[in-house]
N, C-alpha and C. Protein backbone atom coordinates (compact mmCIF):
# COMPACT_ATOMS: atom_id res chain seq x y z
N UNK A 1 117.62 120.12 106.34
CA UNK A 1 117.53 118.65 106.95
C UNK A 1 117.61 118.23 104.96
N UNK A 2 118.29 117.07 104.76
CA UNK A 2 118.63 116.55 103.81
C UNK A 2 117.91 115.35 103.23
N UNK A 3 117.25 114.82 102.27
CA UNK A 3 116.59 113.65 102.37
C UNK A 3 116.37 112.90 100.48
N UNK A 4 116.84 111.33 100.69
CA UNK A 4 116.71 110.71 99.95
C UNK A 4 115.68 109.48 100.23
N UNK A 5 115.52 109.43 98.61
CA UNK A 5 114.40 108.08 98.09
C UNK A 5 114.83 107.24 97.19
N UNK A 6 114.74 105.81 97.92
CA UNK A 6 114.82 104.70 96.95
C UNK A 6 113.42 103.71 96.31
N UNK A 7 113.81 103.73 95.04
CA UNK A 7 112.49 103.04 94.76
C UNK A 7 112.40 101.94 94.12
N UNK A 8 111.84 100.55 94.38
CA UNK A 8 112.07 99.92 93.84
C UNK A 8 111.83 99.67 92.73
N UNK A 9 112.03 97.81 92.11
CA UNK A 9 111.91 97.58 90.87
C UNK A 9 109.98 96.98 90.78
N UNK A 10 109.43 97.31 89.15
CA UNK A 10 108.41 96.69 89.55
C UNK A 10 107.20 97.67 88.90
N UNK A 11 105.78 97.32 88.38
CA UNK A 11 104.67 98.36 88.05
C UNK A 11 104.47 99.06 89.31
N UNK A 12 104.50 98.56 90.55
CA UNK A 12 103.76 99.22 91.45
C UNK A 12 104.15 100.86 92.02
N UNK A 13 105.64 100.30 91.85
CA UNK A 13 106.88 101.37 92.53
C UNK A 13 105.97 102.94 92.04
N UNK A 14 105.76 103.27 90.54
CA UNK A 14 105.52 104.54 90.15
C UNK A 14 104.25 104.62 90.37
N UNK A 15 103.11 103.82 91.01
CA UNK A 15 101.82 104.46 91.18
C UNK A 15 101.69 105.02 92.95
N UNK A 16 102.99 104.22 93.32
CA UNK A 16 103.04 104.71 95.04
C UNK A 16 103.92 106.02 95.37
N UNK A 17 104.41 106.55 93.81
CA UNK A 17 105.58 107.59 93.91
C UNK A 17 104.92 109.27 94.61
N UNK A 18 103.36 108.83 93.95
CA UNK A 18 103.25 110.58 94.15
C UNK A 18 102.36 110.32 95.55
N UNK A 19 102.12 109.15 96.19
CA UNK A 19 101.36 109.30 97.74
C UNK A 19 102.85 110.13 98.50
N UNK A 20 103.82 108.63 98.16
CA UNK A 20 105.21 109.08 99.18
C UNK A 20 105.62 110.48 99.06
N UNK A 21 105.50 110.63 97.89
CA UNK A 21 106.35 112.05 97.63
C UNK A 21 105.03 113.23 97.94
N UNK A 22 104.03 113.48 98.00
CA UNK A 22 103.25 114.07 97.93
C UNK A 22 102.86 114.28 100.19
N UNK A 23 103.33 113.50 100.77
CA UNK A 23 103.43 113.63 102.25
C UNK A 23 104.67 114.08 102.41
N UNK A 24 105.86 113.44 102.11
CA UNK A 24 107.26 113.62 102.42
C UNK A 24 107.26 115.30 102.31
N UNK A 25 106.96 115.64 101.27
CA UNK A 25 107.46 117.01 100.81
C UNK A 25 106.55 117.75 101.31
N UNK A 26 105.06 117.31 101.20
CA UNK A 26 104.24 118.37 102.31
C UNK A 26 104.88 118.56 103.29
N UNK A 27 105.51 117.89 104.26
CA UNK A 27 106.12 118.05 105.65
C UNK A 27 107.27 118.47 105.52
N UNK A 28 107.99 118.18 104.92
CA UNK A 28 109.31 118.82 104.56
C UNK A 28 109.15 120.48 104.39
N UNK A 29 108.42 120.63 103.55
CA UNK A 29 108.10 121.90 103.29
C UNK A 29 107.40 122.64 104.33
N UNK A 30 106.51 122.23 105.15
CA UNK A 30 105.68 122.82 106.04
C UNK A 30 106.77 123.15 107.83
N UNK A 31 107.56 122.20 107.60
CA UNK A 31 108.75 121.94 108.28
C UNK A 31 109.72 123.41 108.17
N UNK A 32 110.08 123.50 106.65
CA UNK A 32 111.21 124.40 106.26
C UNK A 32 110.78 125.80 106.79
N UNK A 33 108.77 125.90 106.62
CA UNK A 33 108.37 127.47 106.67
C UNK A 33 108.40 127.76 108.14
N UNK A 34 108.46 126.77 109.36
CA UNK A 34 108.46 126.78 110.10
C UNK A 34 110.28 127.32 110.84
N UNK A 35 111.11 126.53 110.25
CA UNK A 35 112.36 127.13 110.45
C UNK A 35 113.19 126.90 109.09
N UNK A 36 113.55 128.58 108.93
CA UNK A 36 114.03 128.61 107.91
C UNK A 36 115.91 128.36 107.60
N UNK A 37 116.17 127.71 108.64
CA UNK A 37 117.26 127.02 108.66
C UNK A 37 117.38 125.78 108.37
N UNK A 38 116.21 125.29 108.37
CA UNK A 38 116.07 123.55 108.09
C UNK A 38 115.77 123.10 106.50
N UNK A 39 116.80 122.61 105.93
CA UNK A 39 117.20 122.23 104.60
C UNK A 39 117.00 121.14 104.23
N UNK A 40 116.43 120.83 103.48
CA UNK A 40 116.39 119.47 102.57
C UNK A 40 116.40 119.04 101.18
N UNK A 41 116.78 117.77 101.13
CA UNK A 41 116.84 117.50 99.65
C UNK A 41 116.23 115.98 99.49
N UNK A 42 115.52 115.72 98.06
CA UNK A 42 115.38 114.41 98.40
C UNK A 42 115.68 113.69 96.95
N UNK A 43 116.51 112.52 96.88
CA UNK A 43 116.88 111.96 96.23
C UNK A 43 116.08 110.56 95.88
N UNK A 44 115.69 110.68 94.87
CA UNK A 44 114.96 109.32 93.65
C UNK A 44 115.87 108.65 93.26
N UNK A 45 116.15 107.11 93.36
CA UNK A 45 117.05 106.05 93.18
C UNK A 45 116.32 105.02 92.34
N UNK A 46 116.07 105.14 91.03
CA UNK A 46 114.96 104.64 90.45
C UNK A 46 115.88 102.73 90.02
N UNK A 47 115.39 102.04 90.75
CA UNK A 47 116.41 101.02 90.99
C UNK A 47 115.89 100.03 89.60
N UNK A 48 116.58 100.30 88.67
CA UNK A 48 116.36 99.21 87.53
C UNK A 48 115.15 99.05 86.80
N UNK A 49 113.87 100.33 87.38
CA UNK A 49 112.41 99.86 86.84
C UNK A 49 112.23 100.15 85.35
N UNK A 50 111.83 99.55 84.91
CA UNK A 50 111.09 99.77 83.58
C UNK A 50 109.75 100.60 83.50
N UNK A 51 108.99 100.83 84.77
CA UNK A 51 108.11 101.74 84.33
C UNK A 51 107.93 103.44 84.20
N UNK A 52 106.96 103.62 84.72
CA UNK A 52 107.20 105.56 85.00
C UNK A 52 107.87 106.01 86.26
N UNK A 53 108.39 105.38 86.96
CA UNK A 53 108.72 105.84 88.18
C UNK A 53 110.09 107.23 88.09
N UNK A 54 110.56 107.36 87.02
CA UNK A 54 111.20 108.35 86.87
C UNK A 54 110.99 109.54 86.16
N UNK A 55 109.68 109.02 85.52
CA UNK A 55 109.11 109.99 84.51
C UNK A 55 108.34 110.41 85.45
N UNK A 56 107.59 109.79 86.77
CA UNK A 56 107.15 110.71 87.29
C UNK A 56 107.66 111.12 88.57
N UNK A 57 108.83 110.79 89.09
CA UNK A 57 109.62 111.97 90.04
C UNK A 57 110.31 112.88 89.65
N UNK A 58 110.32 112.95 88.10
CA UNK A 58 111.23 114.06 87.33
C UNK A 58 110.26 115.35 87.58
N UNK A 59 108.80 114.78 87.62
CA UNK A 59 107.65 116.10 87.46
C UNK A 59 107.56 116.73 89.10
N UNK A 60 108.57 115.70 90.23
CA UNK A 60 108.04 116.72 91.30
C UNK A 60 109.79 117.42 91.55
N UNK A 61 111.06 116.90 90.33
CA UNK A 61 112.19 118.15 90.07
C UNK A 61 111.66 118.82 89.46
N UNK A 62 110.79 119.22 88.79
CA UNK A 62 110.76 120.25 88.39
C UNK A 62 109.58 121.41 88.84
N UNK A 63 108.88 120.50 89.45
CA UNK A 63 107.66 121.30 90.62
C UNK A 63 108.39 121.82 91.84
N UNK A 64 109.65 121.43 92.48
CA UNK A 64 110.44 122.01 93.60
C UNK A 64 111.61 122.35 93.53
N UNK A 65 112.37 122.17 91.68
CA UNK A 65 113.61 122.18 91.59
C UNK A 65 114.52 121.36 92.22
N UNK A 66 115.91 121.19 91.44
CA UNK A 66 116.60 120.14 91.69
C UNK A 66 117.69 119.90 92.68
N UNK A 67 117.26 121.28 93.45
CA UNK A 67 118.31 121.91 94.49
C UNK A 67 117.30 120.73 95.60
N UNK A 68 115.74 120.52 95.62
CA UNK A 68 115.86 119.71 96.86
C UNK A 68 115.00 118.69 96.25
N UNK A 69 115.14 118.27 95.26
CA UNK A 69 114.62 116.67 94.23
C UNK A 69 115.85 116.10 93.32
N UNK A 70 116.34 115.47 93.50
CA UNK A 70 117.01 115.10 92.45
C UNK A 70 116.71 113.77 92.20
N UNK A 71 116.53 113.16 90.55
CA UNK A 71 116.46 111.56 90.34
C UNK A 71 117.86 110.89 89.80
N UNK A 72 118.07 109.86 90.38
CA UNK A 72 119.08 108.85 89.79
C UNK A 72 118.52 107.41 89.09
N UNK A 73 118.93 107.37 87.95
CA UNK A 73 118.88 105.60 87.99
C UNK A 73 119.58 104.80 87.52
N UNK A 74 119.35 103.53 88.14
CA UNK A 74 120.49 102.72 87.77
C UNK A 74 120.07 101.83 86.95
N UNK A 75 120.91 101.36 85.48
CA UNK A 75 120.25 100.91 84.40
C UNK A 75 119.94 99.24 84.57
N UNK A 76 120.34 98.91 86.03
CA UNK A 76 120.24 97.47 86.10
C UNK A 76 120.24 97.62 87.24
N UNK A 77 119.04 96.57 87.86
CA UNK A 77 118.73 96.33 89.16
C UNK A 77 119.52 95.74 90.26
N UNK A 78 120.19 96.40 90.98
CA UNK A 78 120.81 95.77 92.50
C UNK A 78 120.63 95.30 93.82
N UNK A 79 119.01 96.10 93.74
CA UNK A 79 118.63 95.26 95.05
C UNK A 79 118.46 96.38 96.04
N UNK A 80 117.54 96.96 96.96
CA UNK A 80 117.42 97.56 97.59
C UNK A 80 118.68 98.07 98.41
N UNK A 81 119.41 97.12 98.96
CA UNK A 81 120.90 98.04 99.80
C UNK A 81 121.66 98.78 98.82
N UNK A 82 121.91 97.81 97.33
CA UNK A 82 122.24 98.49 96.36
C UNK A 82 121.97 99.79 96.20
N UNK A 83 120.88 99.80 96.12
CA UNK A 83 120.08 101.17 95.87
C UNK A 83 120.08 102.52 96.43
N UNK A 84 119.76 101.84 97.87
CA UNK A 84 120.29 102.87 99.11
C UNK A 84 121.41 103.17 99.57
N UNK A 85 121.81 102.37 99.14
CA UNK A 85 124.03 102.74 99.42
C UNK A 85 123.99 103.82 98.17
N UNK A 86 123.54 104.04 97.28
CA UNK A 86 123.79 104.55 96.16
C UNK A 86 123.08 105.84 96.27
N UNK A 87 122.26 106.15 97.28
CA UNK A 87 121.21 106.77 97.14
C UNK A 87 122.55 107.82 98.61
N UNK A 88 122.37 107.32 98.93
CA UNK A 88 123.56 107.85 100.61
C UNK A 88 124.82 108.42 100.21
N UNK A 89 125.57 107.39 99.38
CA UNK A 89 126.84 108.29 98.93
C UNK A 89 126.64 109.69 98.03
N UNK A 90 125.52 109.79 97.66
CA UNK A 90 124.92 111.17 96.47
C UNK A 90 124.48 112.25 97.33
N UNK A 91 124.07 111.85 98.63
CA UNK A 91 123.43 112.39 99.29
C UNK A 91 124.55 113.78 99.99
N UNK A 92 124.16 115.02 100.45
CA UNK A 92 124.92 116.33 101.03
C UNK A 92 124.41 116.32 102.56
N UNK A 93 123.55 115.77 102.68
CA UNK A 93 123.19 115.93 104.25
C UNK A 93 123.94 115.33 105.64
N UNK A 94 123.56 116.05 106.61
CA UNK A 94 124.65 115.82 107.86
C UNK A 94 123.99 114.75 108.32
N UNK A 95 122.94 114.52 108.23
CA UNK A 95 122.45 113.23 108.59
C UNK A 95 121.22 112.49 107.62
N UNK A 96 121.39 111.04 107.92
CA UNK A 96 120.64 110.50 106.29
C UNK A 96 120.04 109.53 106.88
N UNK A 97 118.25 110.07 106.47
CA UNK A 97 117.01 108.70 107.10
C UNK A 97 116.81 107.95 105.92
N UNK A 98 116.89 106.74 105.99
CA UNK A 98 116.25 105.81 105.78
C UNK A 98 114.71 105.18 105.89
N UNK A 99 113.62 105.19 105.02
CA UNK A 99 112.60 105.27 105.37
C UNK A 99 111.27 104.42 104.33
N UNK A 100 110.25 103.60 104.88
CA UNK A 100 109.29 102.84 103.34
C UNK A 100 109.15 104.13 102.94
N UNK A 101 108.96 103.86 101.64
CA UNK A 101 108.00 104.68 100.34
C UNK A 101 106.82 104.20 100.06
N UNK A 102 106.52 103.59 100.78
CA UNK A 102 105.18 102.67 100.59
C UNK A 102 104.44 103.82 101.87
N UNK A 103 104.81 104.41 103.03
CA UNK A 103 103.99 105.11 103.74
C UNK A 103 103.71 104.46 104.89
N UNK A 104 104.43 103.17 105.13
CA UNK A 104 104.38 101.79 106.01
C UNK A 104 103.84 102.92 107.38
N UNK A 105 105.53 103.73 107.14
CA UNK A 105 105.61 104.48 108.48
C UNK A 105 105.66 105.99 108.16
N UNK A 106 104.99 107.28 109.21
CA UNK A 106 104.45 108.59 108.75
C UNK A 106 105.94 108.80 108.88
N UNK A 107 105.64 110.42 108.08
CA UNK A 107 107.41 111.19 107.96
C UNK A 107 107.39 111.83 109.75
N UNK A 108 105.99 112.36 110.19
CA UNK A 108 105.89 112.64 111.76
C UNK A 108 106.97 112.47 112.44
N UNK A 109 107.60 110.89 112.17
CA UNK A 109 108.09 110.20 112.68
C UNK A 109 109.39 110.19 112.75
N UNK A 110 109.92 110.99 112.07
CA UNK A 110 111.46 111.48 111.81
C UNK A 110 111.57 111.81 113.14
N UNK A 111 110.72 113.02 113.65
CA UNK A 111 111.04 113.72 114.88
C UNK A 111 111.36 112.70 116.36
N UNK A 112 110.68 111.68 115.94
CA UNK A 112 111.07 110.63 117.09
C UNK A 112 112.31 110.17 116.77
N UNK A 113 112.72 109.32 115.51
CA UNK A 113 114.24 109.32 115.44
C UNK A 113 115.30 110.02 115.52
N UNK A 114 114.51 111.59 115.17
CA UNK A 114 115.61 112.39 115.92
C UNK A 114 115.95 112.42 117.46
N UNK A 115 115.06 112.33 117.78
CA UNK A 115 115.12 112.74 119.61
C UNK A 115 116.24 111.25 119.67
N UNK A 116 115.70 110.27 119.40
CA UNK A 116 116.85 109.15 119.95
C UNK A 116 117.87 109.22 119.13
N UNK A 117 117.95 109.92 118.01
CA UNK A 117 119.78 110.53 117.96
C UNK A 117 120.32 111.55 118.67
N UNK A 118 119.22 112.29 119.09
CA UNK A 118 120.04 113.45 120.31
C UNK A 118 120.57 112.93 121.18
N UNK A 119 119.72 111.69 122.05
CA UNK A 119 120.02 111.24 123.39
C UNK A 119 120.79 110.46 123.24
N UNK A 120 121.76 110.25 122.27
CA UNK A 120 122.78 109.16 122.00
C UNK A 120 124.29 110.44 122.72
N UNK A 121 123.85 111.48 122.22
CA UNK A 121 124.80 112.55 122.41
C UNK A 121 126.01 112.46 123.60
N UNK A 122 127.05 112.55 123.52
CA UNK A 122 127.84 112.82 122.33
C UNK A 122 127.96 111.64 121.65
N UNK A 123 128.38 111.80 120.61
CA UNK A 123 128.67 111.35 119.31
C UNK A 123 129.82 110.94 119.43
N UNK A 124 130.77 109.64 119.42
CA UNK A 124 131.79 109.21 119.27
C UNK A 124 132.20 109.35 117.54
N UNK A 125 133.22 110.31 117.64
CA UNK A 125 133.39 110.55 116.16
C UNK A 125 132.35 111.21 115.05
N UNK A 126 131.26 111.52 115.82
CA UNK A 126 130.29 112.39 115.05
C UNK A 126 129.86 111.28 114.26
N UNK A 127 129.60 109.49 114.92
CA UNK A 127 128.81 108.36 114.40
C UNK A 127 127.89 108.10 115.46
N UNK A 128 126.57 107.91 114.70
CA UNK A 128 125.31 107.24 115.89
C UNK A 128 124.29 107.27 114.76
N UNK A 129 123.74 106.18 115.91
CA UNK A 129 122.27 105.36 114.57
C UNK A 129 121.37 105.39 115.62
N UNK A 130 119.78 105.85 114.93
CA UNK A 130 118.67 106.11 115.53
C UNK A 130 117.66 105.28 114.59
N UNK A 131 116.88 103.71 115.15
CA UNK A 131 116.30 103.28 114.29
C UNK A 131 114.94 103.36 115.09
N UNK A 132 114.24 102.95 113.76
CA UNK A 132 112.92 103.03 114.00
C UNK A 132 112.29 101.42 114.68
N UNK A 133 111.21 101.25 115.31
CA UNK A 133 111.22 99.96 115.73
C UNK A 133 109.31 99.66 115.88
N UNK A 134 109.31 98.29 115.58
CA UNK A 134 107.89 97.84 114.98
C UNK A 134 108.04 96.81 116.63
N UNK A 135 108.68 96.77 117.50
CA UNK A 135 108.76 95.66 118.28
C UNK A 135 107.48 95.82 118.92
N UNK A 136 107.04 96.85 119.18
CA UNK A 136 106.09 97.22 120.56
C UNK A 136 104.67 96.97 119.77
N UNK A 137 104.71 96.48 118.54
CA UNK A 137 103.61 96.05 118.25
C UNK A 137 103.26 94.64 117.39
N UNK A 138 104.27 93.89 118.01
CA UNK A 138 104.26 92.60 117.88
C UNK A 138 103.22 91.70 118.10
N UNK A 139 102.40 92.16 119.78
CA UNK A 139 101.44 90.97 119.47
C UNK A 139 100.17 91.77 118.79
N UNK A 140 100.12 92.49 118.24
CA UNK A 140 98.77 92.99 117.06
C UNK A 140 99.50 92.04 115.62
N UNK A 141 100.72 92.09 115.70
CA UNK A 141 100.97 91.55 114.33
C UNK A 141 100.90 90.14 114.33
N UNK A 142 101.23 89.47 114.90
CA UNK A 142 101.02 88.37 115.06
C UNK A 142 99.51 87.41 115.07
N UNK A 143 98.52 88.22 115.80
CA UNK A 143 97.42 88.19 115.76
C UNK A 143 96.94 87.80 114.20
N UNK A 144 97.44 88.94 113.47
CA UNK A 144 97.15 88.92 112.11
C UNK A 144 97.33 88.40 111.12
N UNK A 145 98.82 87.56 111.31
CA UNK A 145 99.65 86.72 110.70
C UNK A 145 99.15 84.70 110.62
N UNK A 146 99.50 83.83 109.66
CA UNK A 146 99.18 82.97 110.25
C UNK A 146 100.89 82.24 110.57
N UNK A 147 100.44 81.05 111.19
CA UNK A 147 101.29 80.24 111.76
C UNK A 147 102.62 80.52 111.52
N UNK A 148 102.70 79.60 110.44
CA UNK A 148 103.70 80.01 109.36
C UNK A 148 104.59 80.91 109.32
N UNK A 149 103.81 82.07 109.18
CA UNK A 149 104.42 83.06 109.15
C UNK A 149 105.27 83.81 110.25
N UNK A 150 104.62 83.56 111.01
CA UNK A 150 104.88 83.43 112.85
C UNK A 150 105.98 83.32 112.76
N UNK A 151 106.04 81.61 112.89
CA UNK A 151 107.08 80.96 112.60
C UNK A 151 108.53 81.13 111.75
N UNK A 152 108.13 81.56 110.96
CA UNK A 152 109.03 82.06 110.32
C UNK A 152 110.10 83.23 110.76
N UNK A 153 108.89 84.34 111.24
CA UNK A 153 109.69 85.44 112.06
C UNK A 153 110.34 84.84 113.19
N UNK A 154 109.73 84.44 113.74
CA UNK A 154 110.55 84.18 115.02
C UNK A 154 111.85 83.63 115.15
N UNK A 155 111.90 82.63 114.21
CA UNK A 155 113.21 81.61 113.16
C UNK A 155 114.24 82.84 112.81
N UNK A 156 113.38 83.65 112.08
CA UNK A 156 114.62 84.92 111.46
C UNK A 156 115.13 85.57 112.40
N UNK A 157 114.48 86.20 113.73
CA UNK A 157 114.72 86.94 114.58
C UNK A 157 116.05 86.44 115.92
N UNK A 158 115.30 84.76 115.85
CA UNK A 158 116.27 84.16 116.35
C UNK A 158 117.73 83.70 115.64
N UNK A 159 117.71 83.58 114.64
CA UNK A 159 119.37 83.63 113.88
C UNK A 159 119.94 85.05 113.78
N UNK A 160 119.21 86.10 113.87
CA UNK A 160 119.64 87.25 113.61
C UNK A 160 120.18 87.80 115.12
N UNK A 161 119.57 87.71 116.57
CA UNK A 161 120.30 87.42 117.66
C UNK A 161 121.32 86.43 117.97
N UNK A 162 121.09 85.62 117.40
CA UNK A 162 122.42 84.37 117.92
C UNK A 162 123.69 85.25 117.17
N UNK A 163 123.28 85.37 115.80
CA UNK A 163 124.49 85.83 114.85
C UNK A 163 125.27 86.65 114.49
N UNK A 164 124.38 87.70 114.92
CA UNK A 164 124.56 89.16 114.19
C UNK A 164 124.68 90.19 115.16
N UNK A 165 123.30 90.62 115.39
CA UNK A 165 123.02 91.64 116.44
C UNK A 165 121.99 91.44 117.47
N UNK A 166 122.59 91.59 119.01
CA UNK A 166 122.03 91.01 119.67
C UNK A 166 121.00 92.16 120.89
N UNK A 167 121.37 93.64 120.18
CA UNK A 167 120.62 94.56 121.09
C UNK A 167 119.40 95.26 120.66
N UNK A 168 119.02 95.28 119.19
CA UNK A 168 118.46 95.81 118.60
C UNK A 168 116.93 94.34 118.08
N UNK A 169 116.20 94.77 118.53
CA UNK A 169 114.77 93.90 118.40
C UNK A 169 114.41 93.58 117.17
N UNK A 170 113.81 94.85 116.54
CA UNK A 170 113.47 95.13 115.20
C UNK A 170 114.86 95.25 114.42
N UNK A 171 115.55 95.03 113.55
CA UNK A 171 116.42 95.05 112.56
C UNK A 171 116.15 95.13 111.29
N UNK A 172 114.65 94.90 110.78
CA UNK A 172 114.30 95.32 109.37
C UNK A 172 113.48 96.40 109.39
N UNK A 173 113.05 97.03 110.32
CA UNK A 173 111.58 98.20 110.23
C UNK A 173 112.85 99.32 108.84
N UNK A 174 112.36 99.66 108.43
CA UNK A 174 113.03 100.76 107.23
C UNK A 174 112.82 101.91 107.58
N UNK A 175 113.51 102.40 108.74
CA UNK A 175 112.99 103.75 109.40
C UNK A 175 114.25 104.08 110.14
N UNK A 176 115.15 104.00 109.81
CA UNK A 176 116.37 104.08 110.34
C UNK A 176 117.22 105.83 110.07
N UNK A 177 118.16 106.96 110.95
CA UNK A 177 118.05 107.84 110.85
C UNK A 177 119.78 107.67 111.49
N UNK A 178 120.74 108.16 110.61
CA UNK A 178 121.91 107.53 110.61
C UNK A 178 123.11 109.37 110.78
N UNK A 179 123.84 109.23 111.44
CA UNK A 179 125.08 110.69 111.06
C UNK A 179 125.65 110.41 109.90
N UNK A 180 125.94 111.59 108.89
CA UNK A 180 126.56 111.26 107.84
C UNK A 180 128.04 110.79 108.19
N UNK A 181 128.80 110.70 109.09
CA UNK A 181 129.93 109.95 109.19
C UNK A 181 129.39 108.22 109.63
N UNK A 182 128.48 108.44 110.37
CA UNK A 182 127.73 107.12 110.49
C UNK A 182 127.51 106.00 109.13
N UNK A 183 126.51 107.10 108.32
CA UNK A 183 126.19 106.20 107.31
C UNK A 183 127.40 105.92 106.13
N UNK A 184 128.49 107.54 106.05
CA UNK A 184 129.67 106.76 104.99
C UNK A 184 130.40 105.64 105.62
N UNK A 185 130.87 105.23 106.96
CA UNK A 185 131.69 103.99 107.27
C UNK A 185 131.04 103.57 107.10
N UNK A 186 129.91 103.00 107.33
CA UNK A 186 128.78 101.29 107.66
C UNK A 186 128.68 100.91 105.91
N UNK A 187 128.15 102.07 105.21
CA UNK A 187 127.66 101.33 103.63
C UNK A 187 128.67 101.56 103.01
N UNK A 188 129.78 102.16 103.18
CA UNK A 188 131.53 101.57 102.70
C UNK A 188 131.66 100.00 102.67
N UNK A 189 131.12 99.82 104.08
CA UNK A 189 131.80 98.05 104.24
C UNK A 189 130.48 97.08 104.22
N UNK A 190 129.57 97.88 103.98
CA UNK A 190 128.77 96.63 103.33
C UNK A 190 128.60 96.04 102.24
N UNK A 191 128.28 94.96 102.42
CA UNK A 191 128.21 93.74 101.12
C UNK A 191 127.24 93.10 100.26
N UNK A 192 126.18 93.01 101.29
CA UNK A 192 125.07 92.69 101.30
C UNK A 192 124.00 93.98 100.04
N UNK A 193 123.66 93.66 98.93
CA UNK A 193 123.11 94.76 98.24
C UNK A 193 121.20 93.88 98.29
N UNK A 194 120.91 92.83 98.62
CA UNK A 194 119.52 93.01 98.46
C UNK A 194 119.14 92.83 100.03
N UNK A 195 117.84 91.85 100.28
CA UNK A 195 117.36 91.59 101.38
C UNK A 195 118.11 91.42 102.46
N UNK A 196 117.66 91.91 103.78
CA UNK A 196 118.64 91.90 105.09
C UNK A 196 119.90 92.74 105.16
N UNK A 197 119.90 93.46 103.92
CA UNK A 197 121.03 94.20 104.51
C UNK A 197 121.16 94.84 105.67
N UNK A 198 119.80 95.34 106.25
CA UNK A 198 119.53 95.96 107.38
C UNK A 198 120.28 95.03 108.67
N UNK A 199 120.15 94.11 108.51
CA UNK A 199 120.82 93.39 109.25
C UNK A 199 122.37 93.31 109.54
N UNK A 200 122.81 93.67 108.29
CA UNK A 200 124.82 93.46 108.16
C UNK A 200 125.01 95.01 108.48
N UNK A 201 124.18 95.78 107.98
CA UNK A 201 124.52 97.26 108.47
C UNK A 201 124.53 97.49 109.91
N UNK A 202 123.99 96.72 110.72
CA UNK A 202 123.53 96.75 112.11
C UNK A 202 124.90 96.28 112.75
N UNK A 203 124.89 95.09 111.96
CA UNK A 203 126.30 94.33 112.54
C UNK A 203 127.50 94.97 112.46
N UNK A 204 127.37 95.66 111.32
CA UNK A 204 129.10 96.41 111.35
C UNK A 204 128.81 97.77 112.04
N UNK A 205 127.91 98.46 112.23
CA UNK A 205 127.73 99.54 113.12
C UNK A 205 127.98 98.69 114.69
N UNK A 206 127.49 97.76 115.26
CA UNK A 206 128.01 97.54 116.08
C UNK A 206 129.19 96.79 116.50
N UNK A 207 130.07 96.42 115.35
CA UNK A 207 131.39 95.80 115.65
C UNK A 207 132.74 97.36 115.63
N UNK A 208 131.80 98.63 115.06
CA UNK A 208 132.68 99.60 114.83
C UNK A 208 132.25 100.34 116.45
N UNK A 209 131.42 100.27 117.15
CA UNK A 209 130.74 100.46 118.40
C UNK A 209 130.15 101.72 118.03
N UNK A 210 129.62 102.24 117.14
CA UNK A 210 128.19 102.95 116.45
C UNK A 210 126.96 102.82 117.71
N UNK A 211 127.35 103.95 118.59
CA UNK A 211 126.17 103.63 119.32
C UNK A 211 124.46 103.67 118.39
N UNK A 212 123.87 102.89 119.31
CA UNK A 212 122.49 103.13 118.66
C UNK A 212 121.03 102.93 119.42
N UNK A 213 120.29 103.70 118.59
CA UNK A 213 118.97 103.79 119.78
C UNK A 213 118.32 102.95 119.00
N UNK A 214 116.98 102.62 120.04
CA UNK A 214 115.79 102.22 119.15
C UNK A 214 114.63 102.46 119.87
N UNK A 215 113.99 103.07 119.08
CA UNK A 215 112.72 104.11 119.13
C UNK A 215 111.39 103.53 118.00
N UNK A 216 110.50 103.41 119.23
CA UNK A 216 109.11 102.86 118.86
C UNK A 216 108.46 104.08 117.23
N UNK A 217 107.80 103.51 116.84
CA UNK A 217 107.53 104.35 115.73
C UNK A 217 106.11 103.63 115.21
N UNK A 218 105.29 104.43 114.48
CA UNK A 218 103.72 103.85 114.49
C UNK A 218 104.45 102.90 113.01
N UNK A 219 103.26 102.37 112.61
CA UNK A 219 103.86 101.53 111.54
C UNK A 219 102.53 100.62 110.84
N UNK A 220 102.41 100.67 109.82
CA UNK A 220 100.95 99.43 109.49
C UNK A 220 101.97 98.72 107.88
N UNK A 221 101.65 97.50 108.25
CA UNK A 221 101.67 96.80 107.27
C UNK A 221 101.41 96.63 105.76
N UNK A 222 101.89 97.06 105.00
CA UNK A 222 101.66 97.40 103.38
C UNK A 222 102.55 96.25 102.36
N UNK A 223 101.72 95.24 101.50
CA UNK A 223 102.39 94.57 100.55
C UNK A 223 103.70 94.96 100.09
N UNK A 224 104.37 94.42 99.50
CA UNK A 224 105.26 95.16 98.56
C UNK A 224 105.68 96.42 98.23
N UNK A 225 106.32 96.71 99.73
CA UNK A 225 106.61 98.58 99.94
C UNK A 225 108.10 98.52 99.17
N UNK A 226 108.24 99.97 99.01
CA UNK A 226 109.68 99.82 98.64
C UNK A 226 110.28 100.55 99.67
N UNK A 227 111.72 101.52 99.29
CA UNK A 227 112.65 101.58 100.32
C UNK A 227 112.63 103.48 100.55
N UNK A 228 112.42 104.53 101.14
CA UNK A 228 112.59 105.54 100.98
C UNK A 228 113.61 105.95 102.06
N UNK A 229 114.75 106.97 101.92
CA UNK A 229 115.66 107.70 102.17
C UNK A 229 115.88 108.60 103.12
N UNK A 230 115.63 109.47 103.57
CA UNK A 230 115.86 110.58 104.45
C UNK A 230 117.35 111.30 105.05
N UNK A 231 117.53 112.30 104.77
CA UNK A 231 118.84 112.55 105.14
C UNK A 231 118.55 114.18 105.98
N UNK A 232 118.97 113.86 107.26
CA UNK A 232 118.66 115.61 107.59
C UNK A 232 119.79 116.01 107.97
């Protein structure tokens, strides 16, 4: 398995790195022990952060080795989409997973999106995407949100459905598994480098007729989350 991680700008990133990295690497190491043929790498992309993100991430590189953990630093903040794309193009994995670095979705749910990807076989031109989804949690989420935020959510979902992606209920969940071919093809065409790049990514995938699965995952709302990428 190959794994990539993108961290955002801001002081909170360095504080969240150990929580996310500990969970990720614990899962990945245990899985590798169960299956010696399983390989992975974690790529931490520091998106122009001026805090201790790079320093903290480098400690994991020293502990696990540069073959398992790599750290890339952008001089200037490019936004989530730009940093994720850099991580994708630096990945050596056959499959690539992007996931929330704030722990909103647990690493064990990787197996759910892997199953979703597997169920799409045979993959045309080796391209397929499996998206984690929070749509099944929508009722509980609405109960906790203000009326204004709920109105904005429905408005955004309607515009996405009307103009872009009609078949995926949750385009924004940061937990998506792509085959390498699908990742390189979609990210090479991507224009949006900041918020909502996921929508364009899925729009491109649909235009290219790449099969897409939507799989329910566990999710906890966390303020100001970063983005994590994993590749399998």
